[in-house]
Amino acid sequence: MLKNVHLAPAWLSELEKKIHVLAPHANFRLFLTAEFSPKIPSTLIRQSYKQVFEPAAGIKASLVRTYKTVLSPARSDRLPVERSRLHFLLGWLHAVILERLRYTPIGWTKVYEFNEADQRCGLDLIDEYIDAMGSRNNIDINKIPWDAFKTILIENLYGGKIDNDYDSKILISLVEMFFTPESFDASYPLFRTEDPNETVLKMPDGIKYSQFLQWV
C-alpha cells in the first residue's frame, strides 16, 4: 500500500512504467490512497478499481460515524471522565467543519480535503495530553491544556490545509467556541443564533461513551 500518492504526482508516471513491466504473482495487489487531485494521471485512474470515501451528510450522520467507527467505549471511557467530553467536542467540531463543505463557497471559500485522518490525529492529541495528567477519576478542567489543543487544531491538523485568511478566521472561531472550559457546562450552546426565541442545542450532559451516543 502506497499512501497519499497525490503528494508525489510527478513520480506516479514512473510508477505506471514500473507496473507495465512487472510480472507479478497472481495474488499481488497494489493499493494506492490519495485525496482528490487533478494531478493524478488519468491513465492510472482508469486502470484501477476505485473506492471513494465521502464524508457523511449531516451533523448527526457524521457524529454517528465518529461513535461507530472512530471511537470506542474502551477508548472514550478511560479515566479521567473528562476525556469522553473532549472526544465529543472534537467529534462535533469535525462534523461542523465537514458540513460547512457542503455550502462552499459560503461555509468555506473553497473545498478543502478535511478527512477522518484529521479527526483521528486530534483524538490522539487529546489522549496524549490527558494521559500525561494522570489516571485520576477527575481532573481540573481549568488545567486541561486548552491553548495547546486549539493551537495544534488551528495551526496544524485542520488549519494546515487552509490557505485563505477568511477561512482561517472561521476555523479559529469554531475551535475557540468549542474548546473552552465553559463547554463542560450542560447549558453551553453548541451553536449561536441572533434570534433570542430560537431553541439552541445544548451540550450533552454525559460522562460515558454510551450517554453521548444515545444523545446523538
N, C-alpha and C. Protein backbone atom coordinates (compact mmCIF):
# COMPACT_ATOMS: atom_id res chain seq x y z
N MET A 1 0.85 -1.19 0.00
CA MET A 1 0.00 0.00 0.00
C MET A 1 0.88 1.24 0.00
N LEU A 2 0.64 2.10 -0.97
CA LEU A 2 1.33 3.39 -1.05
C LEU A 2 0.32 4.47 -0.68
N LYS A 3 0.61 5.20 0.40
CA LYS A 3 -0.35 6.16 0.93
C LYS A 3 -0.06 7.58 0.43
N ASN A 4 -1.15 8.33 0.23
CA ASN A 4 -1.07 9.76 -0.11
C ASN A 4 -0.23 10.02 -1.36
N VAL A 5 -0.50 9.27 -2.40
CA VAL A 5 0.29 9.42 -3.63
C VAL A 5 0.03 10.75 -4.33
N HIS A 6 -1.03 11.45 -3.94
CA HIS A 6 -1.29 12.76 -4.54
C HIS A 6 -0.18 13.76 -4.19
N LEU A 7 0.61 13.44 -3.17
CA LEU A 7 1.69 14.34 -2.77
C LEU A 7 2.92 14.20 -3.68
N ALA A 8 2.95 13.16 -4.50
CA ALA A 8 4.08 12.95 -5.42
C ALA A 8 3.56 12.64 -6.82
N PRO A 9 2.79 13.54 -7.42
CA PRO A 9 2.16 13.25 -8.72
C PRO A 9 3.17 13.00 -9.84
N ALA A 10 4.32 13.70 -9.80
CA ALA A 10 5.32 13.51 -10.86
C ALA A 10 5.88 12.09 -10.83
N TRP A 11 5.98 11.53 -9.65
CA TRP A 11 6.53 10.17 -9.51
C TRP A 11 5.55 9.11 -10.00
N LEU A 12 4.26 9.45 -10.04
CA LEU A 12 3.26 8.45 -10.43
C LEU A 12 3.45 7.98 -11.87
N SER A 13 3.98 8.83 -12.73
CA SER A 13 4.24 8.38 -14.11
C SER A 13 5.33 7.32 -14.11
N GLU A 14 6.31 7.46 -13.22
CA GLU A 14 7.33 6.43 -13.08
C GLU A 14 6.73 5.14 -12.55
N LEU A 15 5.79 5.27 -11.63
CA LEU A 15 5.12 4.09 -11.09
C LEU A 15 4.37 3.35 -12.19
N GLU A 16 3.69 4.11 -13.04
CA GLU A 16 2.97 3.50 -14.16
C GLU A 16 3.90 2.65 -15.03
N LYS A 17 5.06 3.18 -15.33
CA LYS A 17 6.02 2.45 -16.16
C LYS A 17 6.45 1.15 -15.49
N LYS A 18 6.68 1.23 -14.17
CA LYS A 18 7.10 0.04 -13.44
C LYS A 18 6.00 -1.02 -13.44
N ILE A 19 4.76 -0.57 -13.31
CA ILE A 19 3.63 -1.51 -13.30
C ILE A 19 3.56 -2.27 -14.63
N HIS A 20 3.80 -1.57 -15.72
CA HIS A 20 3.66 -2.18 -17.04
C HIS A 20 4.74 -3.23 -17.32
N VAL A 21 5.89 -3.12 -16.66
CA VAL A 21 6.97 -4.09 -16.91
C VAL A 21 7.03 -5.17 -15.84
N LEU A 22 6.14 -5.10 -14.86
CA LEU A 22 6.12 -6.11 -13.80
C LEU A 22 5.58 -7.44 -14.31
N ALA A 23 6.07 -8.50 -13.70
CA ALA A 23 5.48 -9.83 -13.91
C ALA A 23 5.09 -10.34 -12.53
N PRO A 24 4.03 -9.78 -11.97
CA PRO A 24 3.73 -10.04 -10.56
C PRO A 24 3.11 -11.43 -10.33
N HIS A 25 3.16 -11.83 -9.09
CA HIS A 25 2.47 -13.04 -8.65
C HIS A 25 0.97 -12.83 -8.83
N ALA A 26 0.27 -13.94 -9.06
CA ALA A 26 -1.18 -13.84 -9.33
C ALA A 26 -1.94 -13.19 -8.18
N ASN A 27 -1.43 -13.31 -6.97
CA ASN A 27 -2.13 -12.74 -5.79
C ASN A 27 -1.62 -11.35 -5.41
N PHE A 28 -0.71 -10.82 -6.22
CA PHE A 28 -0.19 -9.49 -5.91
C PHE A 28 -1.24 -8.41 -6.17
N ARG A 29 -1.34 -7.48 -5.24
CA ARG A 29 -2.23 -6.33 -5.40
C ARG A 29 -1.49 -5.07 -4.96
N LEU A 30 -1.69 -3.99 -5.66
CA LEU A 30 -1.09 -2.71 -5.30
C LEU A 30 -2.21 -1.75 -4.92
N PHE A 31 -2.18 -1.25 -3.70
CA PHE A 31 -3.18 -0.30 -3.23
C PHE A 31 -2.56 1.09 -3.16
N LEU A 32 -3.30 2.08 -3.64
CA LEU A 32 -2.88 3.47 -3.59
C LEU A 32 -3.95 4.28 -2.87
N THR A 33 -3.56 5.12 -1.95
CA THR A 33 -4.52 6.03 -1.32
C THR A 33 -4.15 7.45 -1.71
N ALA A 34 -5.18 8.27 -1.91
CA ALA A 34 -4.94 9.65 -2.35
C ALA A 34 -6.17 10.50 -2.08
N GLU A 35 -5.94 11.77 -1.91
CA GLU A 35 -7.03 12.73 -1.91
C GLU A 35 -7.33 13.09 -3.36
N PHE A 36 -8.50 13.67 -3.59
CA PHE A 36 -8.84 14.10 -4.95
C PHE A 36 -7.82 15.11 -5.44
N SER A 37 -7.28 14.85 -6.62
CA SER A 37 -6.30 15.76 -7.17
C SER A 37 -6.29 15.64 -8.69
N PRO A 38 -6.34 16.77 -9.41
CA PRO A 38 -6.28 16.72 -10.88
C PRO A 38 -4.90 16.31 -11.40
N LYS A 39 -3.90 16.27 -10.52
CA LYS A 39 -2.54 15.95 -10.93
C LYS A 39 -2.29 14.44 -11.03
N ILE A 40 -3.21 13.63 -10.49
CA ILE A 40 -3.04 12.19 -10.59
C ILE A 40 -3.29 11.77 -12.03
N PRO A 41 -2.38 11.02 -12.66
CA PRO A 41 -2.56 10.66 -14.08
C PRO A 41 -3.88 9.94 -14.33
N SER A 42 -4.62 10.42 -15.30
CA SER A 42 -5.93 9.81 -15.60
C SER A 42 -5.79 8.37 -16.07
N THR A 43 -4.67 8.06 -16.73
CA THR A 43 -4.47 6.67 -17.20
C THR A 43 -4.34 5.72 -16.02
N LEU A 44 -3.70 6.17 -14.95
CA LEU A 44 -3.56 5.35 -13.76
C LEU A 44 -4.92 5.13 -13.10
N ILE A 45 -5.73 6.17 -13.10
CA ILE A 45 -7.06 6.06 -12.50
C ILE A 45 -7.94 5.11 -13.30
N ARG A 46 -7.84 5.20 -14.64
CA ARG A 46 -8.70 4.37 -15.50
C ARG A 46 -8.42 2.88 -15.34
N GLN A 47 -7.18 2.52 -15.08
CA GLN A 47 -6.85 1.10 -14.99
C GLN A 47 -6.92 0.57 -13.56
N SER A 48 -7.49 1.37 -12.67
CA SER A 48 -7.60 0.97 -11.27
C SER A 48 -9.05 0.74 -10.88
N TYR A 49 -9.25 -0.14 -9.91
CA TYR A 49 -10.54 -0.21 -9.24
C TYR A 49 -10.58 0.90 -8.22
N LYS A 50 -11.66 1.66 -8.22
CA LYS A 50 -11.71 2.85 -7.37
C LYS A 50 -12.75 2.71 -6.26
N GLN A 51 -12.37 3.13 -5.08
CA GLN A 51 -13.28 3.18 -3.95
C GLN A 51 -13.17 4.56 -3.32
N VAL A 52 -14.29 5.25 -3.24
CA VAL A 52 -14.28 6.63 -2.77
C VAL A 52 -14.96 6.71 -1.41
N PHE A 53 -14.28 7.35 -0.48
CA PHE A 53 -14.86 7.57 0.86
C PHE A 53 -15.29 9.02 0.95
N GLU A 54 -16.57 9.23 1.17
CA GLU A 54 -17.09 10.59 1.25
C GLU A 54 -17.57 10.88 2.66
N PRO A 55 -17.49 12.13 3.08
CA PRO A 55 -17.98 12.47 4.43
C PRO A 55 -19.47 12.24 4.55
N ALA A 56 -19.89 11.85 5.75
CA ALA A 56 -21.31 11.62 5.99
C ALA A 56 -22.07 12.93 5.81
N ALA A 57 -23.30 12.83 5.29
CA ALA A 57 -24.12 14.01 5.04
C ALA A 57 -24.89 14.39 6.30
N GLY A 58 -24.57 15.52 6.87
CA GLY A 58 -25.29 15.99 8.05
C GLY A 58 -24.49 15.81 9.33
N ILE A 59 -24.78 16.69 10.29
CA ILE A 59 -24.09 16.66 11.58
C ILE A 59 -24.33 15.33 12.29
N LYS A 60 -25.57 14.90 12.33
CA LYS A 60 -25.90 13.66 13.05
C LYS A 60 -25.20 12.46 12.42
N ALA A 61 -25.25 12.36 11.10
CA ALA A 61 -24.61 11.22 10.43
C ALA A 61 -23.11 11.21 10.68
N SER A 62 -22.50 12.39 10.71
CA SER A 62 -21.07 12.48 10.98
C SER A 62 -20.75 12.03 12.40
N LEU A 63 -21.58 12.44 13.35
CA LEU A 63 -21.37 12.03 14.74
C LEU A 63 -21.58 10.52 14.91
N VAL A 64 -22.57 9.98 14.23
CA VAL A 64 -22.80 8.53 14.30
C VAL A 64 -21.58 7.79 13.76
N ARG A 65 -21.03 8.27 12.65
CA ARG A 65 -19.83 7.62 12.10
C ARG A 65 -18.67 7.71 13.10
N THR A 66 -18.54 8.86 13.74
CA THR A 66 -17.47 9.02 14.73
C THR A 66 -17.59 7.99 15.84
N TYR A 67 -18.81 7.83 16.37
CA TYR A 67 -19.00 6.94 17.52
C TYR A 67 -19.08 5.47 17.12
N LYS A 68 -19.36 5.20 15.86
CA LYS A 68 -19.45 3.80 15.42
C LYS A 68 -18.15 3.27 14.84
N THR A 69 -17.33 4.16 14.24
CA THR A 69 -16.15 3.67 13.53
C THR A 69 -14.83 4.24 14.05
N VAL A 70 -14.85 5.42 14.64
CA VAL A 70 -13.60 6.05 15.07
C VAL A 70 -13.38 5.86 16.57
N LEU A 71 -14.42 6.10 17.35
CA LEU A 71 -14.32 5.96 18.81
C LEU A 71 -14.84 4.59 19.24
N SER A 72 -14.50 4.23 20.46
CA SER A 72 -15.00 3.00 21.07
C SER A 72 -15.19 3.25 22.56
N PRO A 73 -16.04 2.46 23.23
CA PRO A 73 -16.21 2.63 24.68
C PRO A 73 -14.89 2.45 25.43
N ALA A 74 -14.08 1.49 24.99
CA ALA A 74 -12.82 1.24 25.69
C ALA A 74 -11.91 2.45 25.65
N ARG A 75 -11.97 3.20 24.57
CA ARG A 75 -11.11 4.39 24.45
C ARG A 75 -11.72 5.60 25.15
N SER A 76 -12.99 5.84 24.92
CA SER A 76 -13.60 7.08 25.40
C SER A 76 -13.93 7.03 26.89
N ASP A 77 -14.11 5.84 27.45
CA ASP A 77 -14.49 5.72 28.87
C ASP A 77 -13.29 5.59 29.80
N ARG A 78 -12.09 5.67 29.25
CA ARG A 78 -10.90 5.63 30.11
C ARG A 78 -10.85 6.86 31.00
N LEU A 79 -10.37 6.67 32.22
CA LEU A 79 -10.24 7.80 33.15
C LEU A 79 -9.15 8.74 32.65
N PRO A 80 -9.30 10.01 33.00
CA PRO A 80 -10.38 10.66 33.76
C PRO A 80 -11.65 10.82 32.93
N VAL A 81 -12.77 11.06 33.62
CA VAL A 81 -14.06 11.09 32.94
C VAL A 81 -14.19 12.27 31.97
N GLU A 82 -13.35 13.29 32.15
CA GLU A 82 -13.40 14.44 31.26
C GLU A 82 -13.00 14.08 29.82
N ARG A 83 -12.32 12.95 29.67
CA ARG A 83 -11.84 12.54 28.35
C ARG A 83 -13.00 12.38 27.35
N SER A 84 -14.09 11.76 27.80
CA SER A 84 -15.20 11.48 26.89
C SER A 84 -15.82 12.76 26.36
N ARG A 85 -15.85 13.80 27.17
CA ARG A 85 -16.42 15.06 26.70
C ARG A 85 -15.50 15.73 25.69
N LEU A 86 -14.21 15.64 25.91
CA LEU A 86 -13.27 16.19 24.94
C LEU A 86 -13.37 15.45 23.61
N HIS A 87 -13.58 14.13 23.68
CA HIS A 87 -13.78 13.35 22.46
C HIS A 87 -15.04 13.82 21.73
N PHE A 88 -16.10 14.09 22.49
CA PHE A 88 -17.33 14.59 21.87
C PHE A 88 -17.10 15.95 21.23
N LEU A 89 -16.39 16.83 21.92
CA LEU A 89 -16.14 18.17 21.38
C LEU A 89 -15.41 18.09 20.05
N LEU A 90 -14.43 17.19 19.96
CA LEU A 90 -13.72 17.05 18.69
C LEU A 90 -14.64 16.47 17.63
N GLY A 91 -15.48 15.49 18.01
CA GLY A 91 -16.42 14.91 17.06
C GLY A 91 -17.39 15.95 16.53
N TRP A 92 -17.86 16.83 17.41
CA TRP A 92 -18.78 17.90 16.99
C TRP A 92 -18.07 18.90 16.08
N LEU A 93 -16.86 19.30 16.48
CA LEU A 93 -16.09 20.23 15.64
C LEU A 93 -15.86 19.63 14.26
N HIS A 94 -15.47 18.37 14.21
CA HIS A 94 -15.20 17.70 12.93
C HIS A 94 -16.46 17.66 12.07
N ALA A 95 -17.61 17.37 12.70
CA ALA A 95 -18.87 17.32 11.96
C ALA A 95 -19.23 18.68 11.38
N VAL A 96 -19.04 19.73 12.15
CA VAL A 96 -19.36 21.08 11.68
C VAL A 96 -18.43 21.48 10.53
N ILE A 97 -17.14 21.17 10.67
CA ILE A 97 -16.16 21.50 9.63
C ILE A 97 -16.53 20.81 8.32
N LEU A 98 -16.89 19.53 8.39
CA LEU A 98 -17.26 18.80 7.17
C LEU A 98 -18.58 19.30 6.60
N GLU A 99 -19.54 19.60 7.47
CA GLU A 99 -20.85 20.05 7.00
C GLU A 99 -20.74 21.38 6.25
N ARG A 100 -19.83 22.24 6.69
CA ARG A 100 -19.66 23.53 6.01
C ARG A 100 -19.15 23.35 4.58
N LEU A 101 -18.48 22.22 4.31
CA LEU A 101 -18.00 21.97 2.95
C LEU A 101 -19.16 21.86 1.97
N ARG A 102 -20.32 21.41 2.45
CA ARG A 102 -21.48 21.26 1.58
C ARG A 102 -22.02 22.61 1.12
N TYR A 103 -21.62 23.69 1.81
CA TYR A 103 -22.14 25.02 1.49
C TYR A 103 -21.06 25.93 0.92
N THR A 104 -19.99 25.31 0.41
CA THR A 104 -18.96 26.10 -0.27
C THR A 104 -19.59 26.82 -1.48
N PRO A 105 -19.33 28.09 -1.71
CA PRO A 105 -18.30 28.93 -1.10
C PRO A 105 -18.78 29.80 0.07
N ILE A 106 -19.88 29.40 0.71
CA ILE A 106 -20.35 30.16 1.88
C ILE A 106 -19.76 29.57 3.16
N GLY A 107 -19.85 28.26 3.31
CA GLY A 107 -19.30 27.61 4.50
C GLY A 107 -17.79 27.76 4.58
N TRP A 108 -17.13 27.47 3.46
CA TRP A 108 -15.71 27.76 3.25
C TRP A 108 -15.60 28.40 1.87
N THR A 109 -14.55 29.17 1.63
CA THR A 109 -14.42 29.81 0.33
C THR A 109 -14.07 28.82 -0.77
N LYS A 110 -13.54 27.65 -0.41
CA LYS A 110 -13.17 26.62 -1.37
C LYS A 110 -13.27 25.26 -0.69
N VAL A 111 -13.18 24.21 -1.47
CA VAL A 111 -13.26 22.86 -0.92
C VAL A 111 -11.89 22.44 -0.40
N TYR A 112 -11.84 22.05 0.86
CA TYR A 112 -10.61 21.54 1.47
C TYR A 112 -10.76 20.04 1.72
N GLU A 113 -9.65 19.34 1.68
CA GLU A 113 -9.68 17.88 1.86
C GLU A 113 -9.59 17.52 3.34
N PHE A 114 -10.55 18.00 4.13
CA PHE A 114 -10.65 17.57 5.51
C PHE A 114 -11.13 16.12 5.52
N ASN A 115 -10.58 15.30 6.39
CA ASN A 115 -10.97 13.90 6.38
C ASN A 115 -10.84 13.27 7.76
N GLU A 116 -11.15 11.98 7.81
CA GLU A 116 -11.15 11.26 9.08
C GLU A 116 -9.77 11.21 9.72
N ALA A 117 -8.73 11.26 8.90
CA ALA A 117 -7.37 11.24 9.45
C ALA A 117 -7.12 12.45 10.34
N ASP A 118 -7.69 13.61 9.98
CA ASP A 118 -7.56 14.80 10.82
C ASP A 118 -8.18 14.55 12.19
N GLN A 119 -9.35 13.93 12.18
CA GLN A 119 -10.05 13.65 13.42
C GLN A 119 -9.27 12.64 14.27
N ARG A 120 -8.76 11.60 13.64
CA ARG A 120 -8.01 10.59 14.38
C ARG A 120 -6.76 11.19 15.02
N CYS A 121 -6.09 12.07 14.30
CA CYS A 121 -4.92 12.73 14.87
C CYS A 121 -5.31 13.63 16.04
N GLY A 122 -6.47 14.29 15.91
CA GLY A 122 -6.97 15.12 17.00
C GLY A 122 -7.27 14.31 18.25
N LEU A 123 -7.85 13.13 18.06
CA LEU A 123 -8.14 12.25 19.20
C LEU A 123 -6.84 11.78 19.86
N ASP A 124 -5.86 11.44 19.04
CA ASP A 124 -4.56 11.04 19.59
C ASP A 124 -3.95 12.18 20.39
N LEU A 125 -4.11 13.40 19.88
CA LEU A 125 -3.60 14.58 20.58
C LEU A 125 -4.26 14.72 21.96
N ILE A 126 -5.59 14.63 21.99
CA ILE A 126 -6.31 14.74 23.25
C ILE A 126 -5.86 13.67 24.23
N ASP A 127 -5.81 12.42 23.76
CA ASP A 127 -5.45 11.32 24.66
C ASP A 127 -4.03 11.48 25.20
N GLU A 128 -3.12 11.93 24.36
CA GLU A 128 -1.73 12.08 24.82
C GLU A 128 -1.62 13.11 25.94
N TYR A 129 -2.29 14.24 25.77
CA TYR A 129 -2.24 15.27 26.80
C TYR A 129 -2.98 14.84 28.08
N ILE A 130 -4.14 14.22 27.92
CA ILE A 130 -4.92 13.81 29.09
C ILE A 130 -4.21 12.68 29.84
N ASP A 131 -3.60 11.74 29.12
CA ASP A 131 -2.85 10.67 29.78
C ASP A 131 -1.71 11.24 30.60
N ALA A 132 -1.11 12.31 30.12
CA ALA A 132 0.02 12.91 30.83
C ALA A 132 -0.42 13.56 32.14
N MET A 133 -1.73 13.79 32.29
CA MET A 133 -2.24 14.42 33.52
C MET A 133 -2.57 13.39 34.59
N GLY A 134 -2.36 12.10 34.29
CA GLY A 134 -2.59 11.07 35.30
C GLY A 134 -3.89 10.33 35.07
N SER A 135 -4.11 9.27 35.84
CA SER A 135 -5.28 8.40 35.68
C SER A 135 -6.30 8.57 36.79
N ARG A 136 -6.39 9.79 37.34
CA ARG A 136 -7.38 10.05 38.38
C ARG A 136 -8.79 10.02 37.78
N ASN A 137 -9.79 9.89 38.66
CA ASN A 137 -11.17 9.89 38.19
C ASN A 137 -11.54 11.21 37.52
N ASN A 138 -11.05 12.31 38.09
CA ASN A 138 -11.37 13.63 37.56
C ASN A 138 -10.12 14.48 37.50
N ILE A 139 -10.15 15.45 36.59
CA ILE A 139 -9.09 16.44 36.51
C ILE A 139 -9.72 17.82 36.52
N ASP A 140 -8.96 18.81 36.92
CA ASP A 140 -9.44 20.19 36.94
C ASP A 140 -9.56 20.67 35.49
N ILE A 141 -10.77 21.02 35.08
CA ILE A 141 -10.97 21.40 33.68
C ILE A 141 -10.18 22.65 33.31
N ASN A 142 -9.87 23.48 34.29
CA ASN A 142 -9.09 24.68 34.01
C ASN A 142 -7.62 24.37 33.77
N LYS A 143 -7.21 23.14 34.15
CA LYS A 143 -5.82 22.75 33.91
C LYS A 143 -5.67 21.93 32.64
N ILE A 144 -6.78 21.65 31.96
CA ILE A 144 -6.69 21.00 30.65
C ILE A 144 -5.95 21.94 29.71
N PRO A 145 -5.00 21.45 28.91
CA PRO A 145 -4.20 22.34 28.05
C PRO A 145 -5.00 22.85 26.85
N TRP A 146 -5.98 23.70 27.12
CA TRP A 146 -6.85 24.21 26.07
C TRP A 146 -6.06 24.93 24.98
N ASP A 147 -5.08 25.74 25.39
CA ASP A 147 -4.31 26.50 24.40
C ASP A 147 -3.54 25.57 23.46
N ALA A 148 -3.02 24.48 24.02
CA ALA A 148 -2.29 23.52 23.18
C ALA A 148 -3.23 22.87 22.19
N PHE A 149 -4.40 22.44 22.66
CA PHE A 149 -5.39 21.83 21.76
C PHE A 149 -5.74 22.79 20.62
N LYS A 150 -6.06 24.03 21.00
CA LYS A 150 -6.50 25.00 20.00
C LYS A 150 -5.39 25.31 18.99
N THR A 151 -4.19 25.47 19.49
CA THR A 151 -3.08 25.82 18.59
C THR A 151 -2.82 24.72 17.58
N ILE A 152 -2.80 23.47 18.03
CA ILE A 152 -2.49 22.37 17.12
C ILE A 152 -3.63 22.15 16.13
N LEU A 153 -4.88 22.27 16.58
CA LEU A 153 -6.01 22.12 15.67
C LEU A 153 -6.03 23.22 14.63
N ILE A 154 -5.71 24.44 15.05
CA ILE A 154 -5.79 25.59 14.15
C ILE A 154 -4.57 25.69 13.24
N GLU A 155 -3.40 25.43 13.78
CA GLU A 155 -2.17 25.65 13.01
C GLU A 155 -1.71 24.42 12.24
N ASN A 156 -2.06 23.22 12.73
CA ASN A 156 -1.51 22.02 12.13
C ASN A 156 -2.55 21.10 11.50
N LEU A 157 -3.45 20.55 12.31
CA LEU A 157 -4.33 19.50 11.81
C LEU A 157 -5.31 20.01 10.76
N TYR A 158 -6.30 20.77 11.17
CA TYR A 158 -7.26 21.30 10.20
C TYR A 158 -6.70 22.55 9.51
N GLY A 159 -6.10 23.43 10.28
CA GLY A 159 -5.61 24.68 9.72
C GLY A 159 -4.46 24.50 8.75
N GLY A 160 -3.74 23.38 8.83
CA GLY A 160 -2.64 23.15 7.92
C GLY A 160 -3.07 23.00 6.48
N LYS A 161 -4.37 22.77 6.25
CA LYS A 161 -4.88 22.62 4.89
C LYS A 161 -5.51 23.91 4.36
N ILE A 162 -5.63 24.91 5.22
CA ILE A 162 -6.31 26.15 4.84
C ILE A 162 -5.29 27.18 4.36
N ASP A 163 -5.58 27.81 3.23
CA ASP A 163 -4.67 28.81 2.68
C ASP A 163 -5.39 30.13 2.40
N ASN A 164 -6.43 30.39 3.17
CA ASN A 164 -7.23 31.60 2.97
C ASN A 164 -7.48 32.25 4.33
N ASP A 165 -7.23 33.56 4.43
CA ASP A 165 -7.36 34.25 5.72
C ASP A 165 -8.78 34.19 6.26
N TYR A 166 -9.76 34.34 5.37
CA TYR A 166 -11.15 34.31 5.81
C TYR A 166 -11.50 32.94 6.39
N ASP A 167 -11.09 31.88 5.71
CA ASP A 167 -11.35 30.53 6.20
C ASP A 167 -10.62 30.26 7.51
N SER A 168 -9.42 30.82 7.64
CA SER A 168 -8.67 30.67 8.89
C SER A 168 -9.43 31.28 10.06
N LYS A 169 -10.06 32.43 9.82
CA LYS A 169 -10.84 33.07 10.87
C LYS A 169 -12.05 32.23 11.26
N ILE A 170 -12.66 31.58 10.27
CA ILE A 170 -13.80 30.69 10.56
C ILE A 170 -13.34 29.54 11.45
N LEU A 171 -12.23 28.91 11.07
CA LEU A 171 -11.73 27.78 11.86
C LEU A 171 -11.38 28.21 13.27
N ILE A 172 -10.72 29.35 13.40
CA ILE A 172 -10.35 29.85 14.73
C ILE A 172 -11.59 30.06 15.59
N SER A 173 -12.63 30.66 15.01
CA SER A 173 -13.84 30.93 15.79
C SER A 173 -14.52 29.63 16.23
N LEU A 174 -14.51 28.62 15.36
CA LEU A 174 -15.14 27.34 15.71
C LEU A 174 -14.36 26.64 16.81
N VAL A 175 -13.05 26.56 16.67
CA VAL A 175 -12.22 25.87 17.67
C VAL A 175 -12.31 26.58 19.01
N GLU A 176 -12.25 27.91 18.99
CA GLU A 176 -12.29 28.66 20.25
C GLU A 176 -13.67 28.56 20.91
N MET A 177 -14.70 28.37 20.12
CA MET A 177 -16.04 28.25 20.70
C MET A 177 -16.21 26.92 21.43
N PHE A 178 -15.67 25.84 20.86
CA PHE A 178 -15.91 24.52 21.43
C PHE A 178 -14.85 24.11 22.45
N PHE A 179 -13.61 24.47 22.23
CA PHE A 179 -12.55 24.04 23.13
C PHE A 179 -12.29 25.12 24.18
N THR A 180 -13.16 25.10 25.17
CA THR A 180 -13.13 26.07 26.25
C THR A 180 -13.68 25.41 27.52
N PRO A 181 -13.22 25.82 28.69
CA PRO A 181 -13.75 25.23 29.94
C PRO A 181 -15.26 25.36 30.05
N GLU A 182 -15.85 26.40 29.45
CA GLU A 182 -17.29 26.60 29.54
C GLU A 182 -18.07 25.46 28.88
N SER A 183 -17.42 24.70 27.99
CA SER A 183 -18.10 23.60 27.30
C SER A 183 -18.47 22.46 28.25
N PHE A 184 -17.92 22.48 29.47
CA PHE A 184 -18.27 21.46 30.45
C PHE A 184 -19.54 21.82 31.22
N ASP A 185 -20.13 22.96 30.89
CA ASP A 185 -21.42 23.36 31.46
C ASP A 185 -22.52 22.76 30.59
N ALA A 186 -23.47 22.05 31.21
CA ALA A 186 -24.53 21.37 30.46
C ALA A 186 -25.42 22.35 29.70
N SER A 187 -25.40 23.63 30.06
CA SER A 187 -26.23 24.61 29.36
C SER A 187 -25.46 25.32 28.24
N TYR A 188 -24.23 24.88 27.98
CA TYR A 188 -23.41 25.57 26.98
C TYR A 188 -23.96 25.29 25.58
N PRO A 189 -24.21 26.33 24.78
CA PRO A 189 -24.79 26.13 23.44
C PRO A 189 -23.78 25.58 22.45
N LEU A 190 -24.25 24.68 21.59
CA LEU A 190 -23.39 24.11 20.56
C LEU A 190 -23.37 24.95 19.29
N PHE A 191 -24.23 25.93 19.21
CA PHE A 191 -24.15 26.93 18.14
C PHE A 191 -24.82 28.20 18.65
N ARG A 192 -24.50 29.30 18.00
CA ARG A 192 -25.05 30.59 18.42
C ARG A 192 -26.06 31.08 17.40
N THR A 193 -27.02 31.84 17.87
CA THR A 193 -28.04 32.40 17.00
C THR A 193 -28.36 33.81 17.45
N GLU A 194 -28.75 34.63 16.50
CA GLU A 194 -29.12 36.01 16.83
C GLU A 194 -30.57 36.12 17.26
N ASP A 195 -31.35 35.04 17.07
CA ASP A 195 -32.76 35.04 17.44
C ASP A 195 -32.90 34.56 18.88
N PRO A 196 -33.29 35.42 19.82
CA PRO A 196 -33.39 35.02 21.23
C PRO A 196 -34.48 33.99 21.48
N ASN A 197 -35.44 33.85 20.56
CA ASN A 197 -36.53 32.91 20.75
C ASN A 197 -36.25 31.53 20.13
N GLU A 198 -35.13 31.41 19.44
CA GLU A 198 -34.81 30.14 18.78
C GLU A 198 -34.23 29.15 19.79
N THR A 199 -34.71 27.91 19.72
CA THR A 199 -34.20 26.86 20.60
C THR A 199 -32.80 26.47 20.15
N VAL A 200 -31.86 26.51 21.07
CA VAL A 200 -30.47 26.22 20.75
C VAL A 200 -30.08 24.87 21.35
N LEU A 201 -29.43 24.05 20.56
CA LEU A 201 -28.97 22.76 21.03
C LEU A 201 -27.88 22.97 22.07
N LYS A 202 -28.02 22.27 23.21
CA LYS A 202 -27.08 22.44 24.31
C LYS A 202 -26.12 21.25 24.40
N MET A 203 -25.04 21.49 25.08
CA MET A 203 -24.02 20.46 25.29
C MET A 203 -24.63 19.27 26.03
N PRO A 204 -24.44 18.04 25.54
CA PRO A 204 -24.98 16.87 26.24
C PRO A 204 -24.33 16.71 27.61
N ASP A 205 -25.14 16.34 28.59
CA ASP A 205 -24.65 16.17 29.95
C ASP A 205 -24.34 14.69 30.16
N GLY A 206 -23.14 14.28 29.79
CA GLY A 206 -22.75 12.88 29.91
C GLY A 206 -21.29 12.74 30.25
N ILE A 207 -20.94 11.54 30.73
CA ILE A 207 -19.54 11.25 31.04
C ILE A 207 -19.13 9.90 30.46
N LYS A 208 -20.05 9.23 29.75
CA LYS A 208 -19.78 7.91 29.19
C LYS A 208 -20.02 7.91 27.69
N TYR A 209 -19.31 7.05 27.00
CA TYR A 209 -19.49 6.84 25.56
C TYR A 209 -20.95 6.58 25.24
N SER A 210 -21.59 5.68 26.00
CA SER A 210 -22.98 5.30 25.72
C SER A 210 -23.92 6.48 25.86
N GLN A 211 -23.65 7.39 26.80
CA GLN A 211 -24.51 8.56 27.01
C GLN A 211 -24.41 9.52 25.83
N PHE A 212 -23.20 9.73 25.33
CA PHE A 212 -23.03 10.63 24.19
C PHE A 212 -23.64 10.01 22.93
N LEU A 213 -23.47 8.71 22.76
CA LEU A 213 -24.05 8.05 21.59
C LEU A 213 -25.56 8.11 21.65
N GLN A 214 -26.14 7.89 22.83
CA GLN A 214 -27.59 7.98 22.98
C GLN A 214 -28.08 9.40 22.68
N TRP A 215 -27.33 10.40 23.09
CA TRP A 215 -27.69 11.79 22.80
C TRP A 215 -27.70 12.05 21.29
N VAL A 216 -26.69 11.53 20.62
CA VAL A 216 -26.63 11.69 19.16
C VAL A 216 -27.86 11.08 18.50
